[in-house]
PDB file of N, CA and C in Angstrom:
ATOM      1  N   UNK A   1      52.385  85.818 -35.034  1.00  0.00           N
ATOM      2  CA  UNK A   1      51.725  85.449 -34.076  1.00  0.00           C
ATOM      3  C   UNK A   1      52.363  86.382 -32.909  1.00  0.00           C
ATOM      4  N   UNK A   2      51.484  86.475 -31.386  1.00  0.00           N
ATOM      5  CA  UNK A   2      52.128  87.249 -30.672  1.00  0.00           C
ATOM      6  C   UNK A   2      53.095  86.447 -29.718  1.00  0.00           C
ATOM      7  N   UNK A   3      54.007  87.221 -29.077  1.00  0.00           N
ATOM      8  CA  UNK A   3      55.299  86.425 -28.323  1.00  0.00           C
ATOM      9  C   UNK A   3      54.420  85.665 -27.492  1.00  0.00           C
ATOM     10  N   UNK A   4      53.415  86.311 -26.548  1.00  0.00           N
ATOM     11  CA  UNK A   4      52.997  85.327 -25.470  1.00  0.00           C
ATOM     12  C   UNK A   4      52.615  83.803 -25.900  1.00  0.00           C
ATOM     13  N   UNK A   5      51.766  83.321 -27.496  1.00  0.00           N
ATOM     14  CA  UNK A   5      51.609  83.039 -27.613  1.00  0.00           C
ATOM     15  C   UNK A   5      52.464  81.478 -28.449  1.00  0.00           C
ATOM     16  N   UNK A   6      53.602  82.534 -28.644  1.00  0.00           N
ATOM     17  CA  UNK A   6      54.767  81.278 -28.921  1.00  0.00           C
ATOM     18  C   UNK A   6      55.191  80.793 -27.972  1.00  0.00           C
ATOM     19  N   UNK A   7      55.259  81.187 -26.878  1.00  0.00           N
ATOM     20  CA  UNK A   7      55.771  81.179 -25.648  1.00  0.00           C
ATOM     21  C   UNK A   7      55.064  80.134 -25.375  1.00  0.00           C
ATOM     22  N   UNK A   8      53.649  79.910 -24.991  1.00  0.00           N
ATOM     23  CA  UNK A   8      53.040  78.690 -24.925  1.00  0.00           C
ATOM     24  C   UNK A   8      52.523  77.978 -25.689  1.00  0.00           C
ATOM     25  N   UNK A   9      53.072  78.023 -27.058  1.00  0.00           N
ATOM     26  CA  UNK A   9      53.045  76.624 -27.737  1.00  0.00           C
ATOM     27  C   UNK A   9      54.416  75.938 -27.883  1.00  0.00           C
ATOM     28  N   UNK A  10      55.125  76.589 -27.169  1.00  0.00           N
ATOM     29  CA  UNK A  10      56.340  75.620 -27.025  1.00  0.00           C
ATOM     30  C   UNK A  10      56.569  74.734 -26.344  1.00  0.00           C
ATOM     31  N   UNK A  11      55.918  75.101 -25.030  1.00  0.00           N
ATOM     32  CA  UNK A  11      55.728  74.518 -24.125  1.00  0.00           C
ATOM     33  C   UNK A  11      54.333  73.658 -23.536  1.00  0.00           C
ATOM     34  N   UNK A  12      53.462  73.669 -24.987  1.00  0.00           N
ATOM     35  CA  UNK A  12      52.314  72.979 -24.967  1.00  0.00           C
ATOM     36  C   UNK A  12      52.495  71.655 -24.790  1.00  0.00           C
ATOM     37  N   UNK A  13      53.776  70.679 -24.884  1.00  0.00           N
ATOM     38  CA  UNK A  13      53.656  69.347 -25.285  1.00  0.00           C
ATOM     39  C   UNK A  13      53.722  68.995 -23.904  1.00  0.00           C
ATOM     40  N   UNK A  14      54.485  69.535 -22.616  1.00  0.00           N
ATOM     41  CA  UNK A  14      54.378  69.406 -21.785  1.00  0.00           C
ATOM     42  C   UNK A  14      52.991  69.566 -20.755  1.00  0.00           C
ATOM     43  N   UNK A  15      52.270  70.050 -21.469  1.00  0.00           N
ATOM     44  CA  UNK A  15      50.974  70.255 -20.872  1.00  0.00           C
ATOM     45  C   UNK A  15      50.631  69.133 -21.087  1.00  0.00           C
ATOM     46  N   UNK A  16      50.497  68.917 -22.321  1.00  0.00           N
ATOM     47  CA  UNK A  16      49.537  67.474 -22.947  1.00  0.00           C
ATOM     48  C   UNK A  16      49.850  66.246 -21.954  1.00  0.00           C
ATOM     49  N   UNK A  17      51.234  66.377 -22.141  1.00  0.00           N
ATOM     50  CA  UNK A  17      51.819  64.770 -21.853  1.00  0.00           C
ATOM     51  C   UNK A  17      51.436  64.959 -20.117  1.00  0.00           C
ATOM     52  N   UNK A  18      51.214  65.801 -19.431  1.00  0.00           N
ATOM     53  CA  UNK A  18      50.678  65.925 -18.082  1.00  0.00           C
ATOM     54  C   UNK A  18      49.152  65.005 -18.080  1.00  0.00           C
ATOM     55  N   UNK A  19      48.695  65.468 -18.996  1.00  0.00           N
ATOM     56  CA  UNK A  19      47.006  65.697 -18.885  1.00  0.00           C
ATOM     57  C   UNK A  19      46.972  64.565 -19.002  1.00  0.00           C
ATOM     58  N   UNK A  20      47.745  63.642 -20.334  1.00  0.00           N
ATOM     59  CA  UNK A  20      47.857  62.005 -20.469  1.00  0.00           C
ATOM     60  C   UNK A  20      47.984  61.179 -20.000  1.00  0.00           C
ATOM     61  N   UNK A  21      48.825  61.962 -18.573  1.00  0.00           N
ATOM     62  CA  UNK A  21      49.507  61.252 -17.575  1.00  0.00           C
ATOM     63  C   UNK A  21      48.234  61.053 -16.697  1.00  0.00           C
ATOM     64  N   UNK A  22      47.628  62.080 -16.561  1.00  0.00           N
ATOM     65  CA  UNK A  22      46.587  62.487 -15.574  1.00  0.00           C
ATOM     66  C   UNK A  22      45.451  61.797 -15.457  1.00  0.00           C
ATOM     67  N   UNK A  23      45.156  61.766 -17.182  1.00  0.00           N
ATOM     68  CA  UNK A  23      44.011  60.752 -17.444  1.00  0.00           C
ATOM     69  C   UNK A  23      44.064  59.261 -17.369  1.00  0.00           C
ATOM     70  N   UNK A  24      45.442  58.524 -17.536  1.00  0.00           N
ATOM     71  CA  UNK A  24      46.169  57.640 -17.414  1.00  0.00           C
ATOM     72  C   UNK A  24      45.695  56.663 -16.118  1.00  0.00           C
ATOM     73  N   UNK A  25      46.584  57.702 -15.278  1.00  0.00           N
ATOM     74  CA  UNK A  25      46.295  57.474 -13.575  1.00  0.00           C
ATOM     75  C   UNK A  25      44.959  57.414 -12.933  1.00  0.00           C
ATOM     76  N   UNK A  26      43.683  58.176 -13.443  1.00  0.00           N
ATOM     77  CA  UNK A  26      42.444  58.121 -13.343  1.00  0.00           C
ATOM     78  C   UNK A  26      42.039  56.460 -13.604  1.00  0.00           C
ATOM     79  N   UNK A  27      42.077  56.505 -14.914  1.00  0.00           N
ATOM     80  CA  UNK A  27      42.098  55.536 -15.568  1.00  0.00           C
ATOM     81  C   UNK A  27      42.134  54.421 -14.612  1.00  0.00           C
ATOM     82  N   UNK A  28      43.183  54.355 -13.930  1.00  0.00           N
ATOM     83  CA  UNK A  28      43.782  53.038 -13.391  1.00  0.00           C
ATOM     84  C   UNK A  28      43.207  52.922 -11.807  1.00  0.00           C
ATOM     85  N   UNK A  29      42.943  53.972 -11.527  1.00  0.00           N
ATOM     86  CA  UNK A  29      42.459  54.113  -9.779  1.00  0.00           C
ATOM     87  C   UNK A  29      40.887  53.114 -10.392  1.00  0.00           C
ATOM     88  N   UNK A  30      40.404  53.789 -11.579  1.00  0.00           N
ATOM     89  CA  UNK A  30      38.843  53.593 -11.435  1.00  0.00           C
ATOM     90  C   UNK A  30      38.484  52.134 -12.021  1.00  0.00           C
ATOM     91  N   UNK A  31      39.796  51.796 -12.716  1.00  0.00           N
ATOM     92  CA  UNK A  31      39.753  50.346 -13.272  1.00  0.00           C
ATOM     93  C   UNK A  31      39.444  49.386 -12.046  1.00  0.00           C
ATOM     94  N   UNK A  32      40.537  49.917 -11.412  1.00  0.00           N
ATOM     95  CA  UNK A  32      40.624  48.965 -10.026  1.00  0.00           C
ATOM     96  C   UNK A  32      40.098  48.658  -9.245  1.00  0.00           C
ATOM     97  N   UNK A  33      39.600  49.834  -8.611  1.00  0.00           N
ATOM     98  CA  UNK A  33      38.168  50.275  -7.594  1.00  0.00           C
ATOM     99  C   UNK A  33      39.225  51.012  -6.028  1.00  0.00           C
ATOM    100  N   UNK A  34      38.514  51.534  -6.032  1.00  0.00           N
ATOM    101  CA  UNK A  34      39.033  52.519  -4.371  1.00  0.00           C
ATOM    102  C   UNK A  34      38.797  51.648  -3.405  1.00  0.00           C
ATOM    103  N   UNK A  35      38.121  50.412  -3.545  1.00  0.00           N
ATOM    104  CA  UNK A  35      37.575  50.047  -1.778  1.00  0.00           C
ATOM    105  C   UNK A  35      38.409  48.521  -1.418  1.00  0.00           C
ATOM    106  N   UNK A  36      39.201  48.617  -2.137  1.00  0.00           N
ATOM    107  CA  UNK A  36      40.357  47.179  -2.177  1.00  0.00           C
ATOM    108  C   UNK A  36      40.769  47.304  -1.298  1.00  0.00           C
ATOM    109  N   UNK A  37      40.910  46.797   0.249  1.00  0.00           N
ATOM    110  CA  UNK A  37      41.621  46.627   1.036  1.00  0.00           C
ATOM    111  C   UNK A  37      43.275  45.945   0.789  1.00  0.00           C
ATOM    112  N   UNK A  38      44.214  45.635   1.475  1.00  0.00           N
ATOM    113  CA  UNK A  38      45.251  46.066   0.712  1.00  0.00           C
ATOM    114  C   UNK A  38      45.864  44.946   0.917  1.00  0.00           C
ATOM    115  N   UNK A  39      45.109  43.384   1.666  1.00  0.00           N
ATOM    116  CA  UNK A  39      45.444  42.106   1.598  1.00  0.00           C
ATOM    117  C   UNK A  39      44.769  41.725   0.562  1.00  0.00           C
ATOM    118  N   UNK A  40      43.439  42.380  -0.286  1.00  0.00           N
ATOM    119  CA  UNK A  40      42.675  41.981  -1.070  1.00  0.00           C
ATOM    120  C   UNK A  40      43.017  41.942  -2.222  1.00  0.00           C
ATOM    121  N   UNK A  41      44.029  43.214  -2.595  1.00  0.00           N
ATOM    122  CA  UNK A  41      44.698  43.455  -4.013  1.00  0.00           C
ATOM    123  C   UNK A  41      45.766  42.480  -4.204  1.00  0.00           C
ATOM    124  N   UNK A  42      45.774  41.797  -5.477  1.00  0.00           N
ATOM    125  CA  UNK A  42      46.418  40.726  -6.020  1.00  0.00           C
ATOM    126  C   UNK A  42      47.681  41.225  -6.970  1.00  0.00           C
ATOM    127  N   UNK A  43      48.424  40.575  -6.806  1.00  0.00           N
ATOM    128  CA  UNK A  43      50.146  40.875  -7.429  1.00  0.00           C
ATOM    129  C   UNK A  43      49.600  41.867  -8.824  1.00  0.00           C
ATOM    130  N   UNK A  44      49.274  41.406  -9.248  1.00  0.00           N
ATOM    131  CA  UNK A  44      48.927  42.442 -10.643  1.00  0.00           C
ATOM    132  C   UNK A  44      48.105  43.626 -10.498  1.00  0.00           C
ATOM    133  N   UNK A  45      47.169  43.502  -9.349  1.00  0.00           N
ATOM    134  CA  UNK A  45      46.828  44.848  -9.354  1.00  0.00           C
ATOM    135  C   UNK A  45      47.380  45.701  -8.624  1.00  0.00           C
ATOM    136  N   UNK A  46      48.159  45.125  -7.475  1.00  0.00           N
ATOM    137  CA  UNK A  46      49.102  45.892  -6.761  1.00  0.00           C
ATOM    138  C   UNK A  46      50.510  46.466  -8.145  1.00  0.00           C
ATOM    139  N   UNK A  47      50.783  45.831  -8.995  1.00  0.00           N
ATOM    140  CA  UNK A  47      51.209  46.358 -10.356  1.00  0.00           C
ATOM    141  C   UNK A  47      50.687  47.642 -10.954  1.00  0.00           C
ATOM    142  N   UNK A  48      49.621  47.980 -10.947  1.00  0.00           N
ATOM    143  CA  UNK A  48      48.976  48.756 -11.453  1.00  0.00           C
ATOM    144  C   UNK A  48      48.694  50.076 -10.542  1.00  0.00           C
ATOM    145  N   UNK A  49      48.581  49.327  -9.340  1.00  0.00           N
ATOM    146  CA  UNK A  49      48.354  50.727  -8.229  1.00  0.00           C
ATOM    147  C   UNK A  49      50.077  51.750  -8.165  1.00  0.00           C
ATOM    148  N   UNK A  50      51.005  50.674  -8.402  1.00  0.00           N
ATOM    149  CA  UNK A  50      52.378  51.367  -8.494  1.00  0.00           C
ATOM    150  C   UNK A  50      52.177  51.971  -9.664  1.00  0.00           C
ATOM    151  N   UNK A  51      52.096  51.406 -10.812  1.00  0.00           N
ATOM    152  CA  UNK A  51      51.877  52.393 -12.600  1.00  0.00           C
ATOM    153  C   UNK A  51      51.191  53.595 -12.343  1.00  0.00           C
ATOM    154  N   UNK A  52      49.641  53.357 -11.490  1.00  0.00           N
ATOM    155  CA  UNK A  52      49.113  54.816 -11.017  1.00  0.00           C
ATOM    156  C   UNK A  52      50.149  55.794 -10.635  1.00  0.00           C
ATOM    157  N   UNK A  53      50.334  55.651  -9.416  1.00  0.00           N
ATOM    158  CA  UNK A  53      50.904  56.681  -8.478  1.00  0.00           C
ATOM    159  C   UNK A  53      52.625  57.087  -9.275  1.00  0.00           C
ATOM    160  N   UNK A  54      52.950  56.287 -10.012  1.00  0.00           N
ATOM    161  CA  UNK A  54      54.031  56.478 -10.694  1.00  0.00           C
ATOM    162  C   UNK A  54      53.657  57.797 -11.902  1.00  0.00           C
ATOM    163  N   UNK A  55      52.463  57.335 -12.689  1.00  0.00           N
ATOM    164  CA  UNK A  55      51.692  59.080 -13.641  1.00  0.00           C
ATOM    165  C   UNK A  55      51.148  59.800 -12.960  1.00  0.00           C
ATOM    166  N   UNK A  56      50.982  59.802 -11.617  1.00  0.00           N
ATOM    167  CA  UNK A  56      50.582  60.591 -10.813  1.00  0.00           C
ATOM    168  C   UNK A  56      51.768  61.422 -10.731  1.00  0.00           C
ATOM    169  N   UNK A  57      52.810  60.885 -10.101  1.00  0.00           N
ATOM    170  CA  UNK A  57      53.832  61.799  -9.848  1.00  0.00           C
ATOM    171  C   UNK A  57      54.897  62.673 -11.219  1.00  0.00           C
ATOM    172  N   UNK A  58      54.514  61.775 -12.342  1.00  0.00           N
ATOM    173  CA  UNK A  58      54.608  62.063 -13.596  1.00  0.00           C
ATOM    174  C   UNK A  58      54.273  63.109 -14.127  1.00  0.00           C
ATOM    175  N   UNK A  59      52.400  63.129 -13.880  1.00  0.00           N
ATOM    176  CA  UNK A  59      51.731  64.377 -14.014  1.00  0.00           C
ATOM    177  C   UNK A  59      52.122  65.736 -13.436  1.00  0.00           C
ATOM    178  N   UNK A  60      52.232  65.317 -11.828  1.00  0.00           N
ATOM    179  CA  UNK A  60      52.601  66.977 -10.897  1.00  0.00           C
ATOM    180  C   UNK A  60      53.595  67.321 -11.536  1.00  0.00           C
ATOM    181  N   UNK A  61      54.899  66.355 -11.902  1.00  0.00           N
ATOM    182  CA  UNK A  61      55.864  67.487 -12.316  1.00  0.00           C
ATOM    183  C   UNK A  61      56.337  67.784 -13.656  1.00  0.00           C
ATOM    184  N   UNK A  62      55.409  66.998 -14.424  1.00  0.00           N
ATOM    185  CA  UNK A  62      55.261  67.686 -15.844  1.00  0.00           C
ATOM    186  C   UNK A  62      54.717  69.254 -15.730  1.00  0.00           C
ATOM    187  N   UNK A  63      53.486  69.070 -15.066  1.00  0.00           N
ATOM    188  CA  UNK A  63      53.022  70.586 -14.530  1.00  0.00           C
ATOM    189  C   UNK A  63      53.740  71.257 -14.299  1.00  0.00           C
ATOM    190  N   UNK A  64      54.514  71.366 -13.013  1.00  0.00           N
ATOM    191  CA  UNK A  64      55.336  72.102 -12.464  1.00  0.00           C
ATOM    192  C   UNK A  64      56.627  72.740 -13.555  1.00  0.00           C
ATOM    193  N   UNK A  65      57.072  71.572 -14.030  1.00  0.00           N
ATOM    194  CA  UNK A  65      57.884  72.118 -15.122  1.00  0.00           C
ATOM    195  C   UNK A  65      57.264  73.268 -15.885  1.00  0.00           C
ATOM    196  N   UNK A  66      55.769  72.644 -16.146  1.00  0.00           N
ATOM    197  CA  UNK A  66      55.509  73.548 -17.628  1.00  0.00           C
ATOM    198  C   UNK A  66      55.200  75.167 -17.179  1.00  0.00           C
ATOM    199  N   UNK A  67      54.743  74.973 -15.742  1.00  0.00           N
ATOM    200  CA  UNK A  67      54.695  76.487 -15.120  1.00  0.00           C
ATOM    201  C   UNK A  67      56.015  77.202 -14.681  1.00  0.00           C
ATOM    202  N   UNK A  68      57.056  76.539 -14.210  1.00  0.00           N
ATOM    203  CA  UNK A  68      58.113  76.917 -14.306  1.00  0.00           C
ATOM    204  C   UNK A  68      58.432  77.744 -15.657  1.00  0.00           C
ATOM    205  N   UNK A  69      58.608  76.840 -16.648  1.00  0.00           N
ATOM    206  CA  UNK A  69      59.480  77.486 -17.874  1.00  0.00           C
ATOM    207  C   UNK A  69      58.280  78.212 -18.255  1.00  0.00           C
ATOM    208  N   UNK A  70      57.032  78.425 -18.162  1.00  0.00           N
ATOM    209  CA  UNK A  70      55.896  79.866 -18.950  1.00  0.00           C
ATOM    210  C   UNK A  70      56.728  80.906 -17.818  1.00  0.00           C
ATOM    211  N   UNK A  71      56.964  80.656 -16.653  1.00  0.00           N
ATOM    212  CA  UNK A  71      57.241  82.180 -15.419  1.00  0.00           C
ATOM    213  C   UNK A  71      58.224  81.893 -15.926  1.00  0.00           C
ATOM    214  N   UNK A  72      59.428  81.490 -16.349  1.00  0.00           N
ATOM    215  CA  UNK A  72      60.781  81.826 -16.800  1.00  0.00           C
ATOM    216  C   UNK A  72      60.853  82.752 -18.176  1.00  0.00           C
ATOM    217  N   UNK A  73      60.126  81.729 -18.992  1.00  0.00           N
ATOM    218  CA  UNK A  73      59.989  82.764 -20.316  1.00  0.00           C
ATOM    219  C   UNK A  73      59.347  84.112 -20.019  1.00  0.00           C
ATOM    220  N   UNK A  74      58.335  83.906 -19.093  1.00  0.00           N
ATOM    221  CA  UNK A  74      57.732  85.540 -18.889  1.00  0.00           C
ATOM    222  C   UNK A  74      58.474  86.344 -18.690  1.00  0.00           C
ATOM    223  N   UNK A  75      59.549  86.323 -17.983  1.00  0.00           N
ATOM    224  CA  UNK A  75      60.278  86.868 -16.802  1.00  0.00           C
ATOM    225  C   UNK A  75      61.298  87.455 -18.070  1.00  0.00           C
ATOM    226  N   UNK A  76      61.762  86.203 -18.918  1.00  0.00           N
ATOM    227  CA  UNK A  76      63.059  86.342 -19.078  1.00  0.00           C
ATOM    228  C   UNK A  76      62.810  87.794 -20.471  1.00  0.00           C
ATOM    229  N   UNK A  77      61.395  87.548 -20.976  1.00  0.00           N
ATOM    230  CA  UNK A  77      61.249  88.773 -22.264  1.00  0.00           C
ATOM    231  C   UNK A  77      60.765  89.959 -21.600  1.00  0.00           C
ATOM    232  N   UNK A  78      60.425  89.681 -20.277  1.00  0.00           N
ATOM    233  CA  UNK A  78      59.856  90.915 -19.470  1.00  0.00           C
ATOM    234  C   UNK A  78      60.690  91.746 -19.384  1.00  0.00           C
TER     235      UNK A  78
END
């Protein structure tokens, strides 16, 4: 296998976790609806919205971590 493929395979779990976090967050947002007013949201729905926001933050963090790791890996070998 080439060096580039090995580097990308090393960081594939970060990309997969990021994609699963994004899918989960989208599911939460579509499940609860986007037209709900703040006062119309129940405590359970509010909890789900908070979890969806956390999932989106984790998704972005994992994607950035994967990009940084890929760039550093490329520069290290370069």
